[in-house]
PDB file of N, CA and C in Angstrom:
ATOM      1  N   MET A   1       2.558  17.604  -1.943  1.00  0.00           N
ATOM      2  CA  MET A   1       2.146  16.270  -1.414  1.00  0.00           C
ATOM      3  C   MET A   1       3.061  15.425  -2.168  1.00  0.00           C
ATOM      4  N   ALA A   2       3.202  14.496  -1.690  1.00  0.00           N
ATOM      5  CA  ALA A   2       4.159  12.982  -2.504  1.00  0.00           C
ATOM      6  C   ALA A   2       3.559  12.295  -2.728  1.00  0.00           C
ATOM      7  N   ARG A   3       3.735  11.565  -3.861  1.00  0.00           N
ATOM      8  CA  ARG A   3       3.328  10.610  -3.947  1.00  0.00           C
ATOM      9  C   ARG A   3       4.151   8.687  -3.950  1.00  0.00           C
ATOM     10  N   ALA A   4       3.586   7.792  -3.670  1.00  0.00           N
ATOM     11  CA  ALA A   4       4.134   6.499  -3.589  1.00  0.00           C
ATOM     12  C   ALA A   4       3.551   5.109  -4.669  1.00  0.00           C
ATOM     13  N   HIS A   5       4.581   4.559  -5.317  1.00  0.00           N
ATOM     14  CA  HIS A   5       3.458   3.152  -6.386  1.00  0.00           C
ATOM     15  C   HIS A   5       4.486   2.425  -5.655  1.00  0.00           C
ATOM     16  N   LEU A   6       3.277   1.498  -4.997  1.00  0.00           N
ATOM     17  CA  LEU A   6       4.002   0.542  -5.096  1.00  0.00           C
ATOM     18  C   LEU A   6       3.850  -1.415  -5.346  1.00  0.00           C
ATOM     19  N   LEU A   7       5.242  -2.093  -5.078  1.00  0.00           N
ATOM     20  CA  LEU A   7       4.367  -3.473  -5.219  1.00  0.00           C
ATOM     21  C   LEU A   7       4.948  -4.126  -4.443  1.00  0.00           C
ATOM     22  N   ILE A   8       4.281  -4.652  -3.494  1.00  0.00           N
ATOM     23  CA  ILE A   8       4.442  -5.669  -2.872  1.00  0.00           C
ATOM     24  C   ILE A   8       4.049  -7.255  -2.788  1.00  0.00           C
ATOM     25  N   THR A   9       5.448  -7.725  -2.829  1.00  0.00           N
ATOM     26  CA  THR A   9       5.695  -9.153  -3.071  1.00  0.00           C
ATOM     27  C   THR A   9       6.118 -10.294  -1.798  1.00  0.00           C
ATOM     28  N   GLY A  10       5.292 -11.592  -2.080  1.00  0.00           N
ATOM     29  CA  GLY A  10       5.864 -12.533  -1.065  1.00  0.00           C
ATOM     30  C   GLY A  10       4.615 -12.782  -0.847  1.00  0.00           C
ATOM     31  N   ARG A  11       4.201 -13.536   0.720  1.00  0.00           N
ATOM     32  CA  ARG A  11       2.893 -14.522   1.029  1.00  0.00           C
ATOM     33  C   ARG A  11       2.120 -12.799   1.444  1.00  0.00           C
ATOM     34  N   VAL A  12       1.078 -12.241   0.324  1.00  0.00           N
ATOM     35  CA  VAL A  12       0.364 -10.687   0.424  1.00  0.00           C
ATOM     36  C   VAL A  12      -0.917 -11.222   0.355  1.00  0.00           C
ATOM     37  N   GLN A  13      -1.225 -12.055  -0.319  1.00  0.00           N
ATOM     38  CA  GLN A  13      -2.914 -12.297  -0.617  1.00  0.00           C
ATOM     39  C   GLN A  13      -3.026 -13.522   0.464  1.00  0.00           C
ATOM     40  N   GLY A  14      -4.310 -13.083   1.054  1.00  0.00           N
ATOM     41  CA  GLY A  14      -4.988 -14.338   2.102  1.00  0.00           C
ATOM     42  C   GLY A  14      -4.451 -14.298   3.397  1.00  0.00           C
ATOM     43  N   VAL A  15      -3.935 -13.271   3.905  1.00  0.00           N
ATOM     44  CA  VAL A  15      -3.696 -12.579   5.033  1.00  0.00           C
ATOM     45  C   VAL A  15      -4.001 -11.598   5.490  1.00  0.00           C
ATOM     46  N   GLY A  16      -5.366 -10.563   4.556  1.00  0.00           N
ATOM     47  CA  GLY A  16      -5.451  -9.542   5.908  1.00  0.00           C
ATOM     48  C   GLY A  16      -4.820  -8.389   4.806  1.00  0.00           C
ATOM     49  N   PHE A  17      -3.478  -8.575   4.213  1.00  0.00           N
ATOM     50  CA  PHE A  17      -2.864  -7.385   3.826  1.00  0.00           C
ATOM     51  C   PHE A  17      -3.694  -6.431   3.518  1.00  0.00           C
ATOM     52  N   ARG A  18      -4.256  -6.479   2.537  1.00  0.00           N
ATOM     53  CA  ARG A  18      -5.221  -5.256   2.169  1.00  0.00           C
ATOM     54  C   ARG A  18      -5.822  -4.492   2.727  1.00  0.00           C
ATOM     55  N   TRP A  19      -6.159  -5.181   3.991  1.00  0.00           N
ATOM     56  CA  TRP A  19      -7.086  -4.754   4.589  1.00  0.00           C
ATOM     57  C   TRP A  19      -5.939  -3.410   5.868  1.00  0.00           C
ATOM     58  N   PHE A  20      -4.922  -4.338   6.490  1.00  0.00           N
ATOM     59  CA  PHE A  20      -3.857  -3.835   6.791  1.00  0.00           C
ATOM     60  C   PHE A  20      -3.514  -2.389   6.620  1.00  0.00           C
ATOM     61  N   VAL A  21      -3.284  -2.394   4.880  1.00  0.00           N
ATOM     62  CA  VAL A  21      -2.934  -1.244   4.464  1.00  0.00           C
ATOM     63  C   VAL A  21      -3.912  -0.220   4.635  1.00  0.00           C
ATOM     64  N   ARG A  22      -4.953  -0.212   4.271  1.00  0.00           N
ATOM     65  CA  ARG A  22      -5.957   0.199   4.252  1.00  0.00           C
ATOM     66  C   ARG A  22      -6.435   0.933   5.787  1.00  0.00           C
ATOM     67  N   GLU A  23      -6.043   0.497   6.620  1.00  0.00           N
ATOM     68  CA  GLU A  23      -6.129   0.668   8.007  1.00  0.00           C
ATOM     69  C   GLU A  23      -5.311   1.861   8.584  1.00  0.00           C
ATOM     70  N   THR A  24      -3.665   1.169   7.952  1.00  0.00           N
ATOM     71  CA  THR A  24      -2.658   2.077   8.314  1.00  0.00           C
ATOM     72  C   THR A  24      -2.699   3.691   7.379  1.00  0.00           C
ATOM     73  N   ALA A  25      -3.049   3.042   6.214  1.00  0.00           N
ATOM     74  CA  ALA A  25      -3.286   4.930   5.269  1.00  0.00           C
ATOM     75  C   ALA A  25      -4.219   5.890   5.996  1.00  0.00           C
ATOM     76  N   LYS A  26      -5.525   4.802   6.417  1.00  0.00           N
ATOM     77  CA  LYS A  26      -6.133   5.974   7.079  1.00  0.00           C
ATOM     78  C   LYS A  26      -5.503   6.508   8.281  1.00  0.00           C
ATOM     79  N   GLU A  27      -5.172   5.786   9.409  1.00  0.00           N
ATOM     80  CA  GLU A  27      -4.384   5.950  10.238  1.00  0.00           C
ATOM     81  C   GLU A  27      -3.402   7.133  10.033  1.00  0.00           C
ATOM     82  N   LEU A  28      -2.699   7.663   9.094  1.00  0.00           N
ATOM     83  CA  LEU A  28      -1.977   8.056   8.635  1.00  0.00           C
ATOM     84  C   LEU A  28      -2.330   9.498   7.592  1.00  0.00           C
ATOM     85  N   GLN A  29      -3.119   8.989   7.262  1.00  0.00           N
ATOM     86  CA  GLN A  29      -4.420  10.074   6.691  1.00  0.00           C
ATOM     87  C   GLN A  29      -3.631  10.497   5.072  1.00  0.00           C
ATOM     88  N   VAL A  30      -3.336   9.094   4.902  1.00  0.00           N
ATOM     89  CA  VAL A  30      -2.873   9.319   3.376  1.00  0.00           C
ATOM     90  C   VAL A  30      -4.032   9.004   2.358  1.00  0.00           C
ATOM     91  N   ALA A  31      -3.843   9.481   1.216  1.00  0.00           N
ATOM     92  CA  ALA A  31      -5.182   9.080   0.044  1.00  0.00           C
ATOM     93  C   ALA A  31      -4.397   7.774  -0.749  1.00  0.00           C
ATOM     94  N   GLY A  32      -5.320   7.568  -1.552  1.00  0.00           N
ATOM     95  CA  GLY A  32      -4.564   6.185  -2.465  1.00  0.00           C
ATOM     96  C   GLY A  32      -5.394   4.763  -2.339  1.00  0.00           C
ATOM     97  N   TRP A  33      -4.961   4.072  -2.928  1.00  0.00           N
ATOM     98  CA  TRP A  33      -5.766   2.706  -2.826  1.00  0.00           C
ATOM     99  C   TRP A  33      -4.833   1.505  -2.761  1.00  0.00           C
ATOM    100  N   VAL A  34      -5.172   0.010  -2.682  1.00  0.00           N
ATOM    101  CA  VAL A  34      -4.154  -1.019  -2.676  1.00  0.00           C
ATOM    102  C   VAL A  34      -5.337  -1.660  -3.181  1.00  0.00           C
ATOM    103  N   LYS A  35      -5.190  -2.814  -3.991  1.00  0.00           N
ATOM    104  CA  LYS A  35      -5.476  -3.579  -4.760  1.00  0.00           C
ATOM    105  C   LYS A  35      -4.277  -5.598  -4.651  1.00  0.00           C
ATOM    106  N   ASN A  36      -5.174  -6.676  -4.681  1.00  0.00           N
ATOM    107  CA  ASN A  36      -4.665  -7.794  -4.989  1.00  0.00           C
ATOM    108  C   ASN A  36      -4.298  -7.442  -7.034  1.00  0.00           C
ATOM    109  N   CYS A  37      -2.978  -8.381  -7.135  1.00  0.00           N
ATOM    110  CA  CYS A  37      -3.023  -8.711  -8.333  1.00  0.00           C
ATOM    111  C   CYS A  37      -2.921 -10.105  -8.803  1.00  0.00           C
ATOM    112  N   THR A  38      -3.254 -10.573  -9.690  1.00  0.00           N
ATOM    113  CA  THR A  38      -3.175 -11.666 -10.419  1.00  0.00           C
ATOM    114  C   THR A  38      -2.030 -12.552 -10.303  1.00  0.00           C
ATOM    115  N   ASP A  39      -0.961 -11.984  -9.913  1.00  0.00           N
ATOM    116  CA  ASP A  39       0.235 -12.852 -10.024  1.00  0.00           C
ATOM    117  C   ASP A  39       0.518 -12.811  -8.299  1.00  0.00           C
ATOM    118  N   GLY A  40      -0.410 -12.487  -7.784  1.00  0.00           N
ATOM    119  CA  GLY A  40       0.027 -12.755  -6.050  1.00  0.00           C
ATOM    120  C   GLY A  40       0.757 -12.393  -5.442  1.00  0.00           C
ATOM    121  N   ASN A  41       0.926 -10.837  -6.185  1.00  0.00           N
ATOM    122  CA  ASN A  41       1.602  -9.615  -5.765  1.00  0.00           C
ATOM    123  C   ASN A  41       0.243  -8.805  -5.092  1.00  0.00           C
ATOM    124  N   VAL A  42       0.722  -7.798  -4.427  1.00  0.00           N
ATOM    125  CA  VAL A  42      -0.437  -6.258  -3.655  1.00  0.00           C
ATOM    126  C   VAL A  42       0.389  -4.999  -4.118  1.00  0.00           C
ATOM    127  N   GLU A  43      -0.360  -4.336  -5.005  1.00  0.00           N
ATOM    128  CA  GLU A  43      -0.266  -3.043  -5.620  1.00  0.00           C
ATOM    129  C   GLU A  43      -0.809  -2.040  -4.814  1.00  0.00           C
ATOM    130  N   ILE A  44       0.190  -1.075  -4.260  1.00  0.00           N
ATOM    131  CA  ILE A  44      -0.536   0.264  -3.602  1.00  0.00           C
ATOM    132  C   ILE A  44      -0.372   1.411  -4.542  1.00  0.00           C
ATOM    133  N   ALA A  45      -1.320   2.239  -3.982  1.00  0.00           N
ATOM    134  CA  ALA A  45      -0.865   4.214  -4.940  1.00  0.00           C
ATOM    135  C   ALA A  45      -0.977   4.679  -3.565  1.00  0.00           C
ATOM    136  N   ALA A  46      -0.265   5.685  -3.576  1.00  0.00           N
ATOM    137  CA  ALA A  46      -0.613   6.681  -2.000  1.00  0.00           C
ATOM    138  C   ALA A  46      -0.131   7.867  -2.409  1.00  0.00           C
ATOM    139  N   GLU A  47      -0.577   8.628  -1.630  1.00  0.00           N
ATOM    140  CA  GLU A  47      -0.241  10.216  -1.687  1.00  0.00           C
ATOM    141  C   GLU A  47      -0.613  11.050  -0.502  1.00  0.00           C
ATOM    142  N   GLY A  48       0.256  11.747  -0.068  1.00  0.00           N
ATOM    143  CA  GLY A  48       0.084  12.614   1.389  1.00  0.00           C
ATOM    144  C   GLY A  48       1.466  12.742   1.726  1.00  0.00           C
ATOM    145  N   ASN A  49       1.906  13.452   2.745  1.00  0.00           N
ATOM    146  CA  ASN A  49       2.848  13.778   3.518  1.00  0.00           C
ATOM    147  C   ASN A  49       3.932  12.835   3.713  1.00  0.00           C
ATOM    148  N   GLN A  50       5.052  13.327   3.432  1.00  0.00           N
ATOM    149  CA  GLN A  50       6.282  12.632   2.606  1.00  0.00           C
ATOM    150  C   GLN A  50       6.909  11.585   4.044  1.00  0.00           C
ATOM    151  N   GLU A  51       6.358  12.448   5.320  1.00  0.00           N
ATOM    152  CA  GLU A  51       7.042  11.741   6.329  1.00  0.00           C
ATOM    153  C   GLU A  51       6.076  10.375   6.550  1.00  0.00           C
ATOM    154  N   MET A  52       4.622  10.619   6.450  1.00  0.00           N
ATOM    155  CA  MET A  52       3.422   9.354   6.403  1.00  0.00           C
ATOM    156  C   MET A  52       3.465   8.773   5.418  1.00  0.00           C
ATOM    157  N   LEU A  53       4.040   9.034   4.496  1.00  0.00           N
ATOM    158  CA  LEU A  53       4.414   8.225   3.094  1.00  0.00           C
ATOM    159  C   LEU A  53       5.748   7.160   3.748  1.00  0.00           C
ATOM    160  N   ASP A  54       6.450   7.841   4.313  1.00  0.00           N
ATOM    161  CA  ASP A  54       7.700   6.968   4.497  1.00  0.00           C
ATOM    162  C   ASP A  54       7.617   5.893   5.642  1.00  0.00           C
ATOM    163  N   GLU A  55       6.428   6.472   6.593  1.00  0.00           N
ATOM    164  CA  GLU A  55       5.647   5.373   7.817  1.00  0.00           C
ATOM    165  C   GLU A  55       4.968   4.197   6.849  1.00  0.00           C
ATOM    166  N   LEU A  56       4.046   5.014   6.172  1.00  0.00           N
ATOM    167  CA  LEU A  56       3.424   3.368   4.882  1.00  0.00           C
ATOM    168  C   LEU A  56       4.060   2.848   4.388  1.00  0.00           C
ATOM    169  N   CYS A  57       5.334   2.904   3.998  1.00  0.00           N
ATOM    170  CA  CYS A  57       6.002   1.963   3.439  1.00  0.00           C
ATOM    171  C   CYS A  57       6.862   0.951   4.270  1.00  0.00           C
ATOM    172  N   ARG A  58       7.502   1.872   5.579  1.00  0.00           N
ATOM    173  CA  ARG A  58       8.324   1.094   6.817  1.00  0.00           C
ATOM    174  C   ARG A  58       6.795  -0.265   6.859  1.00  0.00           C
ATOM    175  N   ARG A  59       5.841   0.189   7.480  1.00  0.00           N
ATOM    176  CA  ARG A  59       5.026  -0.573   7.846  1.00  0.00           C
ATOM    177  C   ARG A  59       4.514  -1.641   6.878  1.00  0.00           C
ATOM    178  N   VAL A  60       4.168  -1.615   6.060  1.00  0.00           N
ATOM    179  CA  VAL A  60       3.890  -2.240   5.013  1.00  0.00           C
ATOM    180  C   VAL A  60       5.319  -3.315   4.406  1.00  0.00           C
ATOM    181  N   SER A  61       6.407  -2.841   4.766  1.00  0.00           N
ATOM    182  CA  SER A  61       7.538  -3.762   4.636  1.00  0.00           C
ATOM    183  C   SER A  61       7.252  -5.082   5.615  1.00  0.00           C
ATOM    184  N   HIS A  62       6.557  -5.040   6.126  1.00  0.00           N
ATOM    185  CA  HIS A  62       6.303  -6.025   7.293  1.00  0.00           C
ATOM    186  C   HIS A  62       5.336  -6.692   7.371  1.00  0.00           C
ATOM    187  N   GLY A  63       4.410  -5.975   7.183  1.00  0.00           N
ATOM    188  CA  GLY A  63       2.741  -6.545   6.756  1.00  0.00           C
ATOM    189  C   GLY A  63       2.033  -6.858   8.207  1.00  0.00           C
ATOM    190  N   PRO A  64       0.939  -7.339   8.209  1.00  0.00           N
ATOM    191  CA  PRO A  64       0.215  -7.866   9.273  1.00  0.00           C
ATOM    192  C   PRO A  64       0.833  -8.753   9.718  1.00  0.00           C
ATOM    193  N   GLN A  65       0.155  -9.961  10.634  1.00  0.00           N
ATOM    194  CA  GLN A  65       0.436 -10.758  11.461  1.00  0.00           C
ATOM    195  C   GLN A  65       0.383 -12.213  10.246  1.00  0.00           C
ATOM    196  N   GLY A  66       1.107 -13.063  10.195  1.00  0.00           N
ATOM    197  CA  GLY A  66       0.794 -13.923   8.602  1.00  0.00           C
ATOM    198  C   GLY A  66       1.467 -13.787   7.439  1.00  0.00           C
ATOM    199  N   ALA A  67       1.453 -12.446   6.945  1.00  0.00           N
ATOM    200  CA  ALA A  67       2.049 -12.112   5.981  1.00  0.00           C
ATOM    201  C   ALA A  67       3.448 -12.616   6.010  1.00  0.00           C
ATOM    202  N   GLU A  68       4.376 -12.454   5.018  1.00  0.00           N
ATOM    203  CA  GLU A  68       6.040 -12.464   4.487  1.00  0.00           C
ATOM    204  C   GLU A  68       6.310 -11.426   3.577  1.00  0.00           C
ATOM    205  N   VAL A  69       6.320 -10.745   3.708  1.00  0.00           N
ATOM    206  CA  VAL A  69       6.947  -9.690   2.596  1.00  0.00           C
ATOM    207  C   VAL A  69       8.428 -10.118   2.454  1.00  0.00           C
ATOM    208  N   THR A  70       8.473 -10.343   1.002  1.00  0.00           N
ATOM    209  CA  THR A  70      10.132 -10.403   0.487  1.00  0.00           C
ATOM    210  C   THR A  70      10.522  -9.376  -0.415  1.00  0.00           C
ATOM    211  N   GLU A  71       9.676  -8.233  -0.884  1.00  0.00           N
ATOM    212  CA  GLU A  71       9.936  -7.262  -1.343  1.00  0.00           C
ATOM    213  C   GLU A  71       9.120  -5.824  -1.544  1.00  0.00           C
ATOM    214  N   VAL A  72       9.686  -4.687  -1.118  1.00  0.00           N
ATOM    215  CA  VAL A  72       8.613  -3.113  -1.804  1.00  0.00           C
ATOM    216  C   VAL A  72       9.693  -2.635  -2.811  1.00  0.00           C
ATOM    217  N   ARG A  73       8.743  -2.925  -4.219  1.00  0.00           N
ATOM    218  CA  ARG A  73       9.769  -2.308  -5.295  1.00  0.00           C
ATOM    219  C   ARG A  73       8.602  -1.251  -5.423  1.00  0.00           C
ATOM    220  N   HIS A  74       9.922  -0.159  -5.613  1.00  0.00           N
ATOM    221  CA  HIS A  74       8.566   0.979  -6.040  1.00  0.00           C
ATOM    222  C   HIS A  74       8.781   1.374  -7.560  1.00  0.00           C
ATOM    223  N   LEU A  75       7.889   1.601  -7.833  1.00  0.00           N
ATOM    224  CA  LEU A  75       7.228   1.619  -8.929  1.00  0.00           C
ATOM    225  C   LEU A  75       6.847   3.232  -9.554  1.00  0.00           C
ATOM    226  N   GLU A  76       6.849   3.471 -10.610  1.00  0.00           N
ATOM    227  CA  GLU A  76       7.096   4.886 -11.732  1.00  0.00           C
ATOM    228  C   GLU A  76       5.899   5.526 -10.619  1.00  0.00           C
ATOM    229  N   THR A  77       5.690   6.511 -10.639  1.00  0.00           N
ATOM    230  CA  THR A  77       4.322   7.094  -9.971  1.00  0.00           C
ATOM    231  C   THR A  77       3.501   7.236 -11.318  1.00  0.00           C
ATOM    232  N   ILE A  78       2.036   7.361 -10.184  1.00  0.00           N
ATOM    233  CA  ILE A  78       0.943   7.454 -11.455  1.00  0.00           C
ATOM    234  C   ILE A  78       0.455   8.671 -11.193  1.00  0.00           C
ATOM    235  N   ASP A  79      -0.240   9.032 -12.599  1.00  0.00           N
ATOM    236  CA  ASP A  79      -0.904  10.162 -12.480  1.00  0.00           C
ATOM    237  C   ASP A  79      -2.334   9.804 -12.239  1.00  0.00           C
ATOM    238  N   GLY A  80      -3.423  11.240 -11.609  1.00  0.00           N
ATOM    239  CA  GLY A  80      -4.799  11.337 -11.896  1.00  0.00           C
ATOM    240  C   GLY A  80      -5.204  11.272 -10.098  1.00  0.00           C
ATOM    241  N   ILE A  81      -6.466  11.439 -10.006  1.00  0.00           N
ATOM    242  CA  ILE A  81      -6.578  11.943  -8.386  1.00  0.00           C
ATOM    243  C   ILE A  81      -6.590  10.231  -7.703  1.00  0.00           C
ATOM    244  N   LEU A  82      -6.064  10.416  -6.437  1.00  0.00           N
ATOM    245  CA  LEU A  82      -6.412   9.131  -5.669  1.00  0.00           C
ATOM    246  C   LEU A  82      -7.417   9.402  -5.037  1.00  0.00           C
ATOM    247  N   ASP A  83      -8.032   8.004  -4.360  1.00  0.00           N
ATOM    248  CA  ASP A  83      -8.978   8.367  -3.085  1.00  0.00           C
ATOM    249  C   ASP A  83      -8.876   8.675  -2.242  1.00  0.00           C
ATOM    250  N   PHE A  84      -9.665   9.267  -1.280  1.00  0.00           N
ATOM    251  CA  PHE A  84      -9.590   9.699  -0.012  1.00  0.00           C
ATOM    252  C   PHE A  84     -10.953   9.336   0.705  1.00  0.00           C
ATOM    253  N   PRO A  85     -11.326   8.787   1.792  1.00  0.00           N
ATOM    254  CA  PRO A  85      -9.975   8.255   2.461  1.00  0.00           C
ATOM    255  C   PRO A  85      -9.851   6.596   1.313  1.00  0.00           C
ATOM    256  N   PHE A  86      -8.452   6.427   1.894  1.00  0.00           N
ATOM    257  CA  PHE A  86      -7.947   5.097   1.217  1.00  0.00           C
ATOM    258  C   PHE A  86      -9.073   4.059   1.177  1.00  0.00           C
ATOM    259  N   VAL A  87      -8.457   3.670  -0.359  1.00  0.00           N
ATOM    260  CA  VAL A  87      -9.830   1.997  -0.553  1.00  0.00           C
ATOM    261  C   VAL A  87      -8.669   1.076  -0.746  1.00  0.00           C
ATOM    262  N   VAL A  88      -9.773   0.151  -0.711  1.00  0.00           N
ATOM    263  CA  VAL A  88      -9.127  -1.161  -1.389  1.00  0.00           C
ATOM    264  C   VAL A  88     -10.095  -1.279  -2.678  1.00  0.00           C
ATOM    265  N   ARG A  89      -9.492  -1.643  -3.267  1.00  0.00           N
ATOM    266  CA  ARG A  89      -9.486  -1.844  -4.868  1.00  0.00           C
ATOM    267  C   ARG A  89     -10.114  -3.536  -5.326  1.00  0.00           C
ATOM    268  N   LYS A  90     -11.038  -4.070  -5.970  1.00  0.00           N
ATOM    269  CA  LYS A  90     -11.074  -5.173  -6.643  1.00  0.00           C
ATOM    270  C   LYS A  90     -10.080  -5.255  -7.867  1.00  0.00           C
TER     271      LYS A  90
END
């Protein structure tokens, strides 16, 4: 299993971005979570098959209609058990 920890910047709050990520992750059978950050960014922690994580990263780099992703930053991988199925955190 591979992991990804991402920070998504741009117009990514108030456009259904977290729900888009959750549904995409469920479709790809990826574990983890997505949450809004107080600075307007979105954070994602995901675990799964490397091919599926690559696809998740590809899709979130575009986001849903109405989103405008300006950067996908790869952060240091986090430890711990990730949720399955994928969840939206508050």
